């Protein structure tokens, strides 16, 4: 008898779970949404005044509650603010960078 297959998780469920984890981490660090916003403004300044790095409170709320997926710049900022590796944060969204060589070999046949 074949082993049962793990349940597939939808993209929306992964994003919501990631948002919930981000919210839990923010609470663990005792940060308000405004704290996150102000810190990401400083990150944006450090990155050449690139506003893509800024995580506004309304956007953070959408990420935490609605499961909206942040762009790569905002993911970077959140990783910095929450003191977690970007690779770990990406894994919360189902992107497992450590598997890239295996995925590439499978996808390209090399």
N, C-alpha and C. Protein backbone atom coordinates (compact mmCIF):
# COMPACT_ATOMS: atom_id res chain seq x y z
N UNK A 1 0.83 -1.18 0.00
CA UNK A 1 0.00 0.00 0.00
C UNK A 1 0.88 1.24 0.00
N UNK A 2 0.55 2.19 -0.86
CA UNK A 2 1.35 3.42 -0.99
C UNK A 2 1.15 4.32 0.22
N UNK A 3 2.22 5.04 0.55
CA UNK A 3 2.14 5.98 1.67
C UNK A 3 1.22 7.13 1.28
N UNK A 4 0.48 7.65 2.24
CA UNK A 4 -0.40 8.77 1.92
C UNK A 4 0.40 10.00 1.50
N UNK A 5 -0.11 10.71 0.53
CA UNK A 5 0.53 11.92 0.04
C UNK A 5 0.19 13.08 0.96
N UNK A 6 1.16 13.97 1.21
CA UNK A 6 0.85 15.14 2.03
C UNK A 6 -0.17 16.01 1.31
N UNK A 7 -1.02 16.66 2.09
CA UNK A 7 -2.03 17.54 1.52
C UNK A 7 -1.35 18.71 0.82
N UNK A 8 -1.86 19.07 -0.33
CA UNK A 8 -1.33 20.23 -1.04
C UNK A 8 -1.88 21.48 -0.41
N UNK A 9 -1.02 22.47 -0.25
CA UNK A 9 -1.43 23.74 0.31
C UNK A 9 -1.52 24.74 -0.83
N UNK A 10 -2.63 25.44 -0.87
CA UNK A 10 -2.80 26.43 -1.95
C UNK A 10 -1.89 27.62 -1.72
N UNK A 11 -1.64 28.35 -2.81
CA UNK A 11 -0.81 29.56 -2.74
C UNK A 11 -1.41 30.54 -1.73
N UNK A 12 -2.73 30.68 -1.73
CA UNK A 12 -3.40 31.61 -0.82
C UNK A 12 -3.17 31.19 0.63
N UNK A 13 -3.24 29.88 0.91
CA UNK A 13 -3.01 29.40 2.27
C UNK A 13 -1.57 29.63 2.70
N UNK A 14 -0.62 29.43 1.79
CA UNK A 14 0.78 29.69 2.11
C UNK A 14 0.99 31.16 2.46
N UNK A 15 0.42 32.05 1.65
CA UNK A 15 0.58 33.48 1.89
C UNK A 15 -0.05 33.88 3.21
N UNK A 16 -1.23 33.35 3.51
CA UNK A 16 -1.89 33.70 4.77
C UNK A 16 -1.06 33.19 5.94
N UNK A 17 -0.56 31.99 5.83
CA UNK A 17 0.29 31.45 6.90
C UNK A 17 1.53 32.31 7.08
N UNK A 18 2.14 32.74 5.98
CA UNK A 18 3.32 33.60 6.07
C UNK A 18 2.95 34.92 6.74
N UNK A 19 1.82 35.49 6.37
CA UNK A 19 1.37 36.73 6.99
C UNK A 19 1.13 36.57 8.48
N UNK A 20 0.54 35.45 8.85
CA UNK A 20 0.31 35.17 10.27
C UNK A 20 1.64 35.03 11.01
N UNK A 21 2.60 34.40 10.38
CA UNK A 21 3.92 34.25 11.01
C UNK A 21 4.62 35.59 11.15
N UNK A 22 4.47 36.44 10.13
CA UNK A 22 5.05 37.78 10.21
C UNK A 22 4.42 38.58 11.36
N UNK A 23 3.12 38.48 11.48
CA UNK A 23 2.43 39.18 12.57
C UNK A 23 2.90 38.67 13.93
N UNK A 24 3.02 37.36 14.06
CA UNK A 24 3.49 36.78 15.33
C UNK A 24 4.90 37.26 15.65
N UNK A 25 5.75 37.31 14.64
CA UNK A 25 7.13 37.78 14.85
C UNK A 25 7.14 39.26 15.25
N UNK A 26 6.30 40.07 14.63
CA UNK A 26 6.22 41.49 14.98
C UNK A 26 5.77 41.65 16.43
N UNK A 27 4.79 40.88 16.83
CA UNK A 27 4.33 40.94 18.22
C UNK A 27 5.41 40.45 19.18
N UNK A 28 6.12 39.41 18.78
CA UNK A 28 7.21 38.89 19.61
C UNK A 28 8.27 39.96 19.86
N UNK A 29 8.53 40.78 18.84
CA UNK A 29 9.51 41.85 18.95
C UNK A 29 8.92 43.12 19.56
N UNK A 30 7.62 43.08 19.84
CA UNK A 30 6.91 44.23 20.42
C UNK A 30 6.99 45.47 19.52
N UNK A 31 6.82 45.22 18.23
CA UNK A 31 6.84 46.30 17.25
C UNK A 31 5.42 46.63 16.81
N UNK A 32 5.14 47.91 16.68
CA UNK A 32 3.88 48.33 16.10
C UNK A 32 4.05 48.39 14.58
N UNK A 33 2.94 48.51 13.90
CA UNK A 33 3.01 48.68 12.44
C UNK A 33 3.76 49.96 12.11
N UNK A 34 3.57 50.98 12.91
CA UNK A 34 4.28 52.24 12.69
C UNK A 34 5.78 52.06 12.89
N UNK A 35 6.20 51.27 13.88
CA UNK A 35 7.62 50.98 14.08
C UNK A 35 8.21 50.34 12.83
N UNK A 36 7.49 49.38 12.28
CA UNK A 36 7.96 48.70 11.07
C UNK A 36 8.07 49.70 9.93
N UNK A 37 7.05 50.51 9.77
CA UNK A 37 7.04 51.52 8.71
C UNK A 37 8.24 52.46 8.84
N UNK A 38 8.46 53.01 10.03
CA UNK A 38 9.55 53.97 10.22
C UNK A 38 10.91 53.33 9.97
N UNK A 39 11.07 52.10 10.38
CA UNK A 39 12.34 51.41 10.15
C UNK A 39 12.54 51.14 8.66
N UNK A 40 11.47 50.78 7.96
CA UNK A 40 11.63 50.53 6.52
C UNK A 40 11.88 51.82 5.74
N UNK A 41 11.42 52.95 6.26
CA UNK A 41 11.76 54.24 5.64
C UNK A 41 13.27 54.45 5.72
N UNK A 42 13.87 54.10 6.86
CA UNK A 42 15.32 54.23 7.00
C UNK A 42 16.06 53.27 6.07
N UNK A 43 15.53 52.07 5.92
CA UNK A 43 16.13 51.10 4.99
C UNK A 43 16.08 51.65 3.57
N UNK A 44 14.93 52.22 3.20
CA UNK A 44 14.77 52.79 1.85
C UNK A 44 15.78 53.91 1.61
N UNK A 45 16.00 54.75 2.62
CA UNK A 45 17.00 55.82 2.49
C UNK A 45 18.38 55.23 2.26
N UNK A 46 18.71 54.19 3.03
CA UNK A 46 20.01 53.53 2.92
C UNK A 46 20.18 52.89 1.54
N UNK A 47 19.06 52.49 0.94
CA UNK A 47 19.09 51.83 -0.38
C UNK A 47 18.84 52.83 -1.52
N UNK A 48 19.35 54.05 -1.34
CA UNK A 48 19.26 55.04 -2.42
C UNK A 48 17.90 55.68 -2.57
N UNK A 49 17.20 55.85 -1.46
CA UNK A 49 15.85 56.45 -1.47
C UNK A 49 14.88 55.67 -2.36
N UNK A 50 15.02 54.36 -2.37
CA UNK A 50 14.13 53.50 -3.14
C UNK A 50 12.88 53.19 -2.31
N UNK A 51 11.77 53.79 -2.67
CA UNK A 51 10.53 53.64 -1.90
C UNK A 51 9.95 52.23 -1.96
N UNK A 52 10.44 51.40 -2.87
CA UNK A 52 9.96 50.02 -2.94
C UNK A 52 10.25 49.26 -1.66
N UNK A 53 11.23 49.72 -0.88
CA UNK A 53 11.59 49.05 0.37
C UNK A 53 10.66 49.41 1.53
N UNK A 54 9.84 50.43 1.35
CA UNK A 54 8.99 50.91 2.44
C UNK A 54 7.75 50.02 2.59
N UNK A 55 7.49 49.64 3.83
CA UNK A 55 6.29 48.85 4.15
C UNK A 55 5.37 49.75 4.97
N UNK A 56 4.38 50.30 4.30
CA UNK A 56 3.42 51.18 4.98
C UNK A 56 2.48 50.34 5.85
N UNK A 57 1.94 50.93 6.92
CA UNK A 57 1.05 50.17 7.81
C UNK A 57 -0.12 49.50 7.08
N UNK A 58 -0.71 50.18 6.12
CA UNK A 58 -1.84 49.58 5.39
C UNK A 58 -1.39 48.35 4.60
N UNK A 59 -0.18 48.43 4.02
CA UNK A 59 0.36 47.28 3.27
C UNK A 59 0.68 46.13 4.22
N UNK A 60 1.28 46.46 5.36
CA UNK A 60 1.60 45.42 6.34
C UNK A 60 0.34 44.73 6.83
N UNK A 61 -0.70 45.49 7.04
CA UNK A 61 -1.98 44.91 7.45
C UNK A 61 -2.50 43.94 6.39
N UNK A 62 -2.40 44.34 5.11
CA UNK A 62 -2.83 43.46 4.02
C UNK A 62 -2.00 42.18 3.97
N UNK A 63 -0.71 42.29 4.25
CA UNK A 63 0.17 41.13 4.26
C UNK A 63 -0.22 40.20 5.41
N UNK A 64 -0.39 40.77 6.59
CA UNK A 64 -0.66 39.97 7.78
C UNK A 64 -2.07 39.36 7.78
N UNK A 65 -3.05 40.11 7.33
CA UNK A 65 -4.44 39.68 7.48
C UNK A 65 -5.01 39.08 6.19
N UNK A 66 -4.73 39.69 5.07
CA UNK A 66 -5.32 39.24 3.81
C UNK A 66 -4.43 38.30 3.02
N UNK A 67 -3.20 38.10 3.48
CA UNK A 67 -2.30 37.20 2.77
C UNK A 67 -1.68 37.79 1.52
N UNK A 68 -1.68 39.12 1.41
CA UNK A 68 -1.05 39.75 0.25
C UNK A 68 0.45 39.46 0.28
N UNK A 69 1.02 39.16 -0.87
CA UNK A 69 2.44 38.83 -0.95
C UNK A 69 3.24 40.10 -1.26
N UNK A 70 4.19 40.45 -0.38
CA UNK A 70 5.00 41.65 -0.62
C UNK A 70 5.97 41.44 -1.78
N UNK A 71 6.39 42.56 -2.39
CA UNK A 71 7.41 42.45 -3.43
C UNK A 71 8.75 42.09 -2.78
N UNK A 72 9.73 41.80 -3.59
CA UNK A 72 11.03 41.34 -3.09
C UNK A 72 11.72 42.39 -2.23
N UNK A 73 11.53 43.67 -2.56
CA UNK A 73 12.14 44.74 -1.77
C UNK A 73 11.53 44.79 -0.37
N UNK A 74 10.22 44.67 -0.30
CA UNK A 74 9.55 44.70 1.00
C UNK A 74 9.85 43.43 1.80
N UNK A 75 9.98 42.31 1.12
CA UNK A 75 10.39 41.08 1.83
C UNK A 75 11.76 41.29 2.47
N UNK A 76 12.66 41.90 1.72
CA UNK A 76 14.00 42.21 2.25
C UNK A 76 13.88 43.08 3.49
N UNK A 77 13.09 44.16 3.40
CA UNK A 77 12.93 45.06 4.54
C UNK A 77 12.35 44.33 5.75
N UNK A 78 11.34 43.51 5.52
CA UNK A 78 10.73 42.77 6.63
C UNK A 78 11.74 41.81 7.26
N UNK A 79 12.56 41.17 6.44
CA UNK A 79 13.59 40.28 6.98
C UNK A 79 14.56 41.05 7.86
N UNK A 80 14.95 42.25 7.42
CA UNK A 80 15.86 43.08 8.21
C UNK A 80 15.20 43.49 9.52
N UNK A 81 13.99 44.03 9.43
CA UNK A 81 13.30 44.53 10.62
C UNK A 81 13.03 43.41 11.63
N UNK A 82 12.64 42.25 11.12
CA UNK A 82 12.27 41.14 12.01
C UNK A 82 13.45 40.23 12.36
N UNK A 83 14.63 40.61 11.86
CA UNK A 83 15.85 39.86 12.17
C UNK A 83 15.73 38.38 11.84
N UNK A 84 15.28 38.11 10.62
CA UNK A 84 15.24 36.74 10.11
C UNK A 84 15.91 36.75 8.74
N UNK A 85 16.40 35.61 8.32
CA UNK A 85 17.07 35.57 7.03
C UNK A 85 16.04 35.68 5.91
N UNK A 86 16.45 36.30 4.82
CA UNK A 86 15.57 36.41 3.67
C UNK A 86 15.21 35.01 3.15
N UNK A 87 16.15 34.09 3.21
CA UNK A 87 15.87 32.72 2.75
C UNK A 87 14.78 32.07 3.59
N UNK A 88 14.82 32.30 4.90
CA UNK A 88 13.77 31.75 5.76
C UNK A 88 12.42 32.38 5.42
N UNK A 89 12.42 33.70 5.25
CA UNK A 89 11.18 34.39 4.92
C UNK A 89 10.61 33.88 3.59
N UNK A 90 11.46 33.70 2.61
CA UNK A 90 11.00 33.16 1.33
C UNK A 90 10.40 31.77 1.51
N UNK A 91 10.97 30.97 2.40
CA UNK A 91 10.44 29.62 2.62
C UNK A 91 9.02 29.67 3.20
N UNK A 92 8.71 30.71 3.95
CA UNK A 92 7.34 30.87 4.48
C UNK A 92 6.34 31.02 3.34
N UNK A 93 6.82 31.51 2.20
CA UNK A 93 5.97 31.68 1.02
C UNK A 93 6.11 30.51 0.05
N UNK A 94 6.75 29.43 0.48
CA UNK A 94 6.87 28.24 -0.34
C UNK A 94 8.01 28.27 -1.33
N UNK A 95 8.95 29.21 -1.17
CA UNK A 95 10.11 29.29 -2.05
C UNK A 95 11.31 28.76 -1.27
N UNK A 96 11.74 27.57 -1.63
CA UNK A 96 12.83 26.90 -0.90
C UNK A 96 14.11 26.97 -1.74
N UNK A 97 14.89 27.99 -1.50
CA UNK A 97 16.08 28.26 -2.31
C UNK A 97 17.10 27.12 -2.26
N UNK A 98 17.13 26.40 -1.16
CA UNK A 98 18.10 25.30 -1.05
C UNK A 98 17.79 24.18 -2.06
N UNK A 99 16.58 24.18 -2.59
CA UNK A 99 16.20 23.15 -3.56
C UNK A 99 16.42 23.59 -5.01
N UNK A 100 16.93 24.80 -5.21
CA UNK A 100 17.09 25.31 -6.57
C UNK A 100 17.90 24.40 -7.49
N UNK A 101 19.04 23.85 -7.05
CA UNK A 101 19.78 22.97 -7.97
C UNK A 101 18.96 21.75 -8.40
N UNK A 102 18.22 21.17 -7.47
CA UNK A 102 17.40 20.00 -7.78
C UNK A 102 16.26 20.38 -8.71
N UNK A 103 15.61 21.49 -8.45
CA UNK A 103 14.51 21.96 -9.29
C UNK A 103 15.04 22.29 -10.69
N UNK A 104 16.19 22.97 -10.76
CA UNK A 104 16.78 23.33 -12.05
C UNK A 104 17.12 22.08 -12.85
N UNK A 105 17.71 21.09 -12.19
CA UNK A 105 18.07 19.85 -12.89
C UNK A 105 16.83 19.17 -13.43
N UNK A 106 15.77 19.14 -12.64
CA UNK A 106 14.53 18.50 -13.07
C UNK A 106 13.89 19.29 -14.21
N UNK A 107 13.87 20.61 -14.07
CA UNK A 107 13.18 21.45 -15.06
C UNK A 107 13.92 21.53 -16.39
N UNK A 108 15.25 21.50 -16.33
CA UNK A 108 16.03 21.68 -17.56
C UNK A 108 16.58 20.37 -18.10
N UNK A 109 16.54 19.31 -17.30
CA UNK A 109 17.08 18.04 -17.73
C UNK A 109 18.59 17.97 -17.69
N UNK A 110 19.20 18.96 -17.01
CA UNK A 110 20.67 18.97 -16.92
C UNK A 110 21.14 18.34 -15.65
